[in-house]
Amino acid sequence: MPTRTVFFISDGTGITAETFGNAILNQFEANLQRVRLPFVDSVDKAHQAVRQINHAAVIDNKRPIVFTTLANEDVFQVLSQGCKGMLMDLFSTFVNPLEKELNLKSNHRIGRFSDTSKSAQYQSRIEAINFTLEHDDGQSHRDLEASDVILVGVSRSGKTPTSLYLAMQYGLKASNYPLIPEDFERQDLPPALKLQRKKLFGLTIQPERLSEIRNERRPNSKYASLANCRMEVKESESMMRRYGIRWLSTTTKSIEEIATTILQELRPERLTY
């Protein structure tokens, strides 16, 4: 199948254009070469982007697909008038109709935060990330009650990446705490978690998959053995049922799916978008 080049162009990071574009492109089994062009925030940079797009059109012998979130009208005009690609502009597709519907003018700000030094929302997100890193893998009990959510589960069940995603994407203070053999022997939750039961959410995983993951970290160890993984998963699920902790299996789910389920179940009051 011939290659076709896809460009994601923005005067910010390009993450929005890339995320939206890929969500659409994933519906097609096509041979695509993806190129992100962030910080295209001047007419000169726009001309450079046009030359790159048009060069790809010649090389591929097909017009490139261009997803853009350019807020600056002068920069966008250079792109729209000069490039030989199929232009998918998220502003004209979504923002312009919303301006008419809401009878309001968009601020057309560049990126998610127009001025990070003055954005309380951005500072709150940074605070959440720092909190989440400090409370990763049960490292600290300090200020645990400030957590918006506390993930529990056996080691390598997906707690850390999910916690960081919740912090970075939604500005939530997400702690995570491993359930270990000592907890199973006592048949009891760690004392620090008992006071925060309403904030607990459990992650589990199929023992076979857990063994595979652990063997990448500690091959041929008791920690990674299938028998031990079966025991830990069984005991952790039993403890979650005993304490009425909501939980899900991460075996076949993406971080995004896990996070979405947690938000639906716990509905934390403080969410940042």
Protein backbone atom coordinates (compact mmCIF):
# COMPACT_ATOMS: atom_id res chain seq x y z
CA MET A 1 0.00 0.00 0.00
CA PRO A 2 1.48 3.41 -0.97
CA THR A 3 2.56 5.66 1.90
CA ARG A 4 0.66 8.85 2.56
CA THR A 5 2.04 11.53 4.87
CA VAL A 6 -0.09 13.05 7.62
CA PHE A 7 0.87 16.37 9.21
CA PHE A 8 -0.27 17.65 12.61
CA ILE A 9 0.32 21.41 12.69
CA SER A 10 -0.21 23.77 15.60
CA ASP A 11 1.05 27.01 17.04
CA GLY A 12 1.22 25.15 20.35
CA THR A 13 2.45 21.64 21.14
CA GLY A 14 0.35 19.92 18.47
CA ILE A 15 -0.96 17.38 20.97
CA THR A 16 -4.61 18.30 20.40
CA ALA A 17 -4.31 18.08 16.62
CA GLU A 18 -2.42 14.80 16.87
CA THR A 19 -4.81 13.23 19.37
CA PHE A 20 -7.89 14.21 17.38
CA GLY A 21 -6.34 13.29 14.05
CA ASN A 22 -5.15 9.90 15.20
CA ALA A 23 -8.55 9.10 16.70
CA ILE A 24 -9.99 9.52 13.21
CA LEU A 25 -7.13 7.90 11.30
CA ASN A 26 -7.27 4.80 13.51
CA GLN A 27 -10.54 3.96 11.79
CA PHE A 28 -8.62 3.23 8.59
CA GLU A 29 -6.06 0.57 7.77
CA ALA A 30 -3.73 2.86 5.85
CA ASN A 31 0.03 3.10 5.48
CA LEU A 32 0.65 6.51 7.03
CA GLN A 33 3.76 8.45 7.91
CA ARG A 34 2.96 10.90 10.70
CA VAL A 35 4.76 14.23 11.10
CA ARG A 36 4.10 16.66 13.96
CA LEU A 37 4.98 20.33 13.37
CA PRO A 38 4.50 22.19 16.68
CA PHE A 39 5.04 25.89 17.45
CA VAL A 40 4.21 27.10 13.94
CA ASP A 41 3.50 30.55 15.34
CA SER A 42 4.78 32.90 12.63
CA VAL A 43 4.26 33.50 8.92
CA ASP A 44 7.84 32.39 8.22
CA LYS A 45 7.29 29.08 10.00
CA ALA A 46 4.03 28.64 8.12
CA HIS A 47 5.85 29.01 4.80
CA GLN A 48 8.39 26.39 5.97
CA ALA A 49 5.51 24.04 6.83
CA VAL A 50 3.95 24.60 3.40
CA ARG A 51 7.22 23.69 1.68
CA GLN A 52 7.48 20.50 3.74
CA ILE A 53 3.88 19.51 3.00
CA ASN A 54 4.23 20.17 -0.72
CA HIS A 55 7.50 18.24 -0.84
CA ALA A 56 5.73 15.24 0.74
CA ALA A 57 3.02 15.54 -1.92
CA VAL A 58 5.66 15.18 -4.64
CA ILE A 59 7.47 12.28 -2.93
CA ASP A 60 4.28 10.32 -2.13
CA ASN A 61 2.53 11.28 -5.36
CA LYS A 62 -0.54 11.78 -3.16
CA ARG A 63 -1.71 14.87 -1.37
CA PRO A 64 -0.87 14.80 2.35
CA ILE A 65 -3.53 14.97 5.04
CA VAL A 66 -3.09 18.01 7.29
CA PHE A 67 -4.72 18.35 10.72
CA THR A 68 -4.30 21.83 12.16
CA THR A 69 -5.22 23.84 15.25
CA LEU A 70 -3.66 27.13 14.16
CA ALA A 71 -5.18 30.03 16.08
CA ASN A 72 -3.39 32.88 14.31
CA GLU A 73 -5.38 33.88 11.22
CA ASP A 74 -2.35 35.16 9.27
CA VAL A 75 -0.45 31.95 9.87
CA PHE A 76 -3.48 29.85 8.91
CA GLN A 77 -3.97 31.81 5.67
CA VAL A 78 -0.42 30.97 4.56
CA LEU A 79 -1.11 27.29 5.17
CA SER A 80 -4.57 27.18 3.60
CA GLN A 81 -3.58 29.09 0.49
CA GLY A 82 -0.20 27.49 -0.13
CA CYS A 83 -0.28 23.83 0.87
CA LYS A 84 -1.26 21.05 -1.52
CA GLY A 85 -2.70 18.85 1.20
CA MET A 86 -6.17 17.93 2.38
CA LEU A 87 -6.63 20.49 5.17
CA MET A 88 -8.59 19.47 8.29
CA ASP A 89 -8.92 22.63 10.41
CA LEU A 90 -10.32 21.95 13.86
CA PHE A 91 -11.13 25.62 14.47
CA SER A 92 -13.31 26.11 11.40
CA THR A 93 -14.93 22.71 11.95
CA PHE A 94 -15.79 23.15 15.63
CA VAL A 95 -14.94 26.58 17.02
CA ASN A 96 -16.65 28.69 14.35
CA PRO A 97 -20.04 26.89 14.63
CA LEU A 98 -19.81 27.15 18.42
CA GLU A 99 -19.19 30.89 18.18
CA LYS A 100 -22.46 31.22 16.31
CA GLU A 101 -24.35 28.89 18.65
CA LEU A 102 -23.08 30.54 21.85
CA ASN A 103 -23.10 34.03 20.35
CA LEU A 104 -19.59 34.48 21.76
CA LYS A 105 -16.22 35.10 20.18
CA SER A 106 -13.52 32.52 20.83
CA ASN A 107 -10.32 33.83 22.43
CA HIS A 108 -8.35 31.66 19.94
CA ARG A 109 -5.70 31.14 22.55
CA ILE A 110 -2.64 29.16 21.59
CA GLY A 111 -2.39 25.80 23.34
CA ARG A 112 -4.10 24.52 26.45
CA PHE A 113 -2.79 27.31 28.70
CA SER A 114 -2.25 30.82 27.33
CA ASP A 115 0.13 31.88 30.12
CA THR A 116 1.33 29.12 32.43
CA SER A 117 2.92 31.58 34.86
CA LYS A 118 -0.51 33.09 35.59
CA SER A 119 -2.70 30.02 35.21
CA ALA A 120 -4.03 28.69 38.50
CA GLN A 121 -5.31 25.69 36.56
CA TYR A 122 -1.81 24.90 35.32
CA GLN A 123 -0.24 25.37 38.75
CA SER A 124 -2.87 23.05 40.23
CA ARG A 125 -1.93 20.41 37.66
CA ILE A 126 1.78 20.69 38.52
CA GLU A 127 0.91 20.38 42.21
CA ALA A 128 -1.11 17.24 41.47
CA ILE A 129 1.77 15.68 39.51
CA ASN A 130 4.25 16.39 42.32
CA PHE A 131 1.83 14.96 44.87
CA THR A 132 1.30 11.83 42.77
CA LEU A 133 5.04 11.26 42.37
CA GLU A 134 5.56 11.67 46.13
CA HIS A 135 2.79 9.16 46.87
CA ASP A 136 3.78 6.58 44.26
CA ASP A 137 3.97 2.94 45.38
CA GLY A 138 3.17 3.79 49.01
CA GLN A 139 6.31 5.90 49.43
CA SER A 140 4.65 8.42 51.73
CA HIS A 141 1.66 8.53 54.07
CA ARG A 142 2.05 12.28 54.57
CA ASP A 143 -1.09 14.19 53.67
CA LEU A 144 -2.63 11.02 52.23
CA GLU A 145 -6.08 12.39 53.03
CA ALA A 146 -5.51 15.07 50.36
CA SER A 147 -5.65 12.38 47.67
CA ASP A 148 -8.53 12.57 45.22
CA VAL A 149 -8.13 8.86 44.50
CA ILE A 150 -5.96 6.07 45.93
CA LEU A 151 -5.27 3.09 43.69
CA VAL A 152 -4.56 -0.27 45.33
CA GLY A 153 -3.53 -3.59 43.87
CA VAL A 154 -0.64 -6.01 43.54
CA SER A 155 2.71 -4.88 42.20
CA ARG A 156 2.78 -4.27 38.41
CA SER A 157 -0.98 -4.14 37.96
CA GLY A 158 -0.89 -0.67 36.38
CA LYS A 159 -1.19 1.62 39.40
CA THR A 160 1.71 4.00 38.66
CA PRO A 161 0.96 4.82 35.00
CA THR A 162 -2.74 5.24 35.78
CA SER A 163 -1.97 7.56 38.72
CA LEU A 164 0.31 9.71 36.58
CA TYR A 165 -2.25 9.85 33.78
CA LEU A 166 -4.95 11.02 36.21
CA ALA A 167 -2.61 13.71 37.53
CA MET A 168 -1.34 14.93 34.18
CA GLN A 169 -4.61 14.73 32.26
CA TYR A 170 -7.13 15.71 34.94
CA GLY A 171 -5.11 17.45 37.65
CA LEU A 172 -6.06 14.84 40.27
CA LYS A 173 -3.92 14.02 43.27
CA ALA A 174 -3.66 10.27 42.72
CA SER A 175 -1.86 8.11 45.25
CA ASN A 176 -1.19 4.42 44.78
CA TYR A 177 -0.44 1.72 47.30
CA PRO A 178 0.73 -1.84 46.67
CA LEU A 179 -0.91 -4.80 48.36
CA ILE A 180 1.90 -7.11 49.48
CA PRO A 181 2.15 -10.65 50.95
CA GLU A 182 2.29 -9.23 54.50
CA ASP A 183 -1.15 -7.67 53.96
CA PHE A 184 -2.51 -11.00 52.74
CA GLU A 185 -1.08 -12.83 55.76
CA ARG A 186 -2.81 -10.34 58.09
CA GLN A 187 -5.98 -10.51 55.97
CA ASP A 188 -6.23 -6.77 56.44
CA LEU A 189 -5.73 -3.51 54.59
CA PRO A 190 -2.71 -1.40 55.52
CA PRO A 191 -3.77 0.89 58.40
CA ALA A 192 -3.11 4.06 56.38
CA LEU A 193 -5.74 3.04 53.83
CA LYS A 194 -8.57 2.20 56.23
CA LEU A 195 -9.32 5.86 56.91
CA GLN A 196 -9.57 6.61 53.17
CA ARG A 197 -11.81 3.76 52.04
CA LYS A 198 -14.16 5.99 50.03
CA LYS A 199 -11.22 7.09 47.89
CA LEU A 200 -9.90 3.58 47.21
CA PHE A 201 -10.12 1.97 43.80
CA GLY A 202 -8.63 -1.44 43.09
CA LEU A 203 -6.72 -2.67 40.05
CA THR A 204 -6.29 -6.36 39.35
CA ILE A 205 -4.90 -8.34 36.44
CA GLN A 206 -4.90 -11.89 35.09
CA PRO A 207 -2.13 -13.92 36.79
CA GLU A 208 -0.71 -15.10 33.47
CA ARG A 209 -0.27 -11.55 32.23
CA LEU A 210 1.11 -10.44 35.59
CA SER A 211 3.71 -13.20 35.46
CA GLU A 212 4.80 -12.07 31.99
CA ILE A 213 5.22 -8.47 33.14
CA ARG A 214 7.11 -9.41 36.27
CA ASN A 215 9.42 -11.77 34.38
CA GLU A 216 10.55 -8.81 32.28
CA ARG A 217 11.61 -7.11 35.51
CA ARG A 218 12.84 -10.09 37.57
CA PRO A 219 13.12 -13.19 35.37
CA ASN A 220 12.81 -16.63 36.97
CA SER A 221 12.10 -15.21 40.42
CA LYS A 222 9.49 -16.28 42.95
CA TYR A 223 8.06 -12.78 42.60
CA ALA A 224 7.35 -13.47 38.91
CA SER A 225 6.32 -17.11 39.17
CA LEU A 226 2.84 -17.98 37.96
CA ALA A 227 1.99 -19.69 41.25
CA ASN A 228 2.88 -16.59 43.26
CA CYS A 229 1.03 -14.31 40.86
CA ARG A 230 -2.08 -16.48 41.15
CA MET A 231 -1.88 -16.34 44.94
CA GLU A 232 -1.41 -12.55 45.07
CA VAL A 233 -4.20 -11.81 42.58
CA LYS A 234 -6.59 -14.15 44.39
CA GLU A 235 -5.81 -12.64 47.78
CA SER A 236 -6.00 -9.03 46.55
CA GLU A 237 -9.38 -9.59 44.88
CA SER A 238 -10.64 -11.29 48.02
CA MET A 239 -9.54 -8.31 50.12
CA MET A 240 -11.21 -5.85 47.75
CA ARG A 241 -14.47 -7.77 47.96
CA ARG A 242 -14.20 -7.98 51.73
CA TYR A 243 -13.82 -4.22 52.10
CA GLY A 244 -16.26 -3.29 49.35
CA ILE A 245 -13.57 -1.66 47.18
CA ARG A 246 -14.58 -1.07 43.57
CA TRP A 247 -12.08 -2.62 41.17
CA LEU A 248 -11.43 -3.66 37.60
CA SER A 249 -9.04 -5.84 35.66
CA THR A 250 -6.38 -3.99 33.68
CA THR A 251 -5.40 -7.04 31.61
CA THR A 252 -6.85 -5.87 28.30
CA LYS A 253 -7.55 -2.21 29.06
CA SER A 254 -5.62 0.89 28.08
CA ILE A 255 -4.60 3.53 30.61
CA GLU A 256 -7.26 5.82 29.15
CA GLU A 257 -9.99 3.19 29.64
CA ILE A 258 -8.87 2.49 33.19
CA ALA A 259 -8.82 6.19 34.08
CA THR A 260 -12.24 6.78 32.55
CA THR A 261 -13.76 3.94 34.56
CA ILE A 262 -12.22 5.29 37.77
CA LEU A 263 -13.64 8.75 37.10
CA GLN A 264 -17.08 7.30 36.45
CA GLU A 265 -17.03 5.24 39.63
CA LEU A 266 -15.45 7.67 42.12
CA ARG A 267 -16.55 10.98 40.58
CA PRO A 268 -13.90 13.09 42.36
CA GLU A 269 -15.04 16.66 43.02
CA ARG A 270 -11.90 18.34 41.72
CA LEU A 271 -11.33 17.76 38.02
CA THR A 272 -9.18 19.88 35.71
CA TYR A 273 -9.62 19.79 31.93
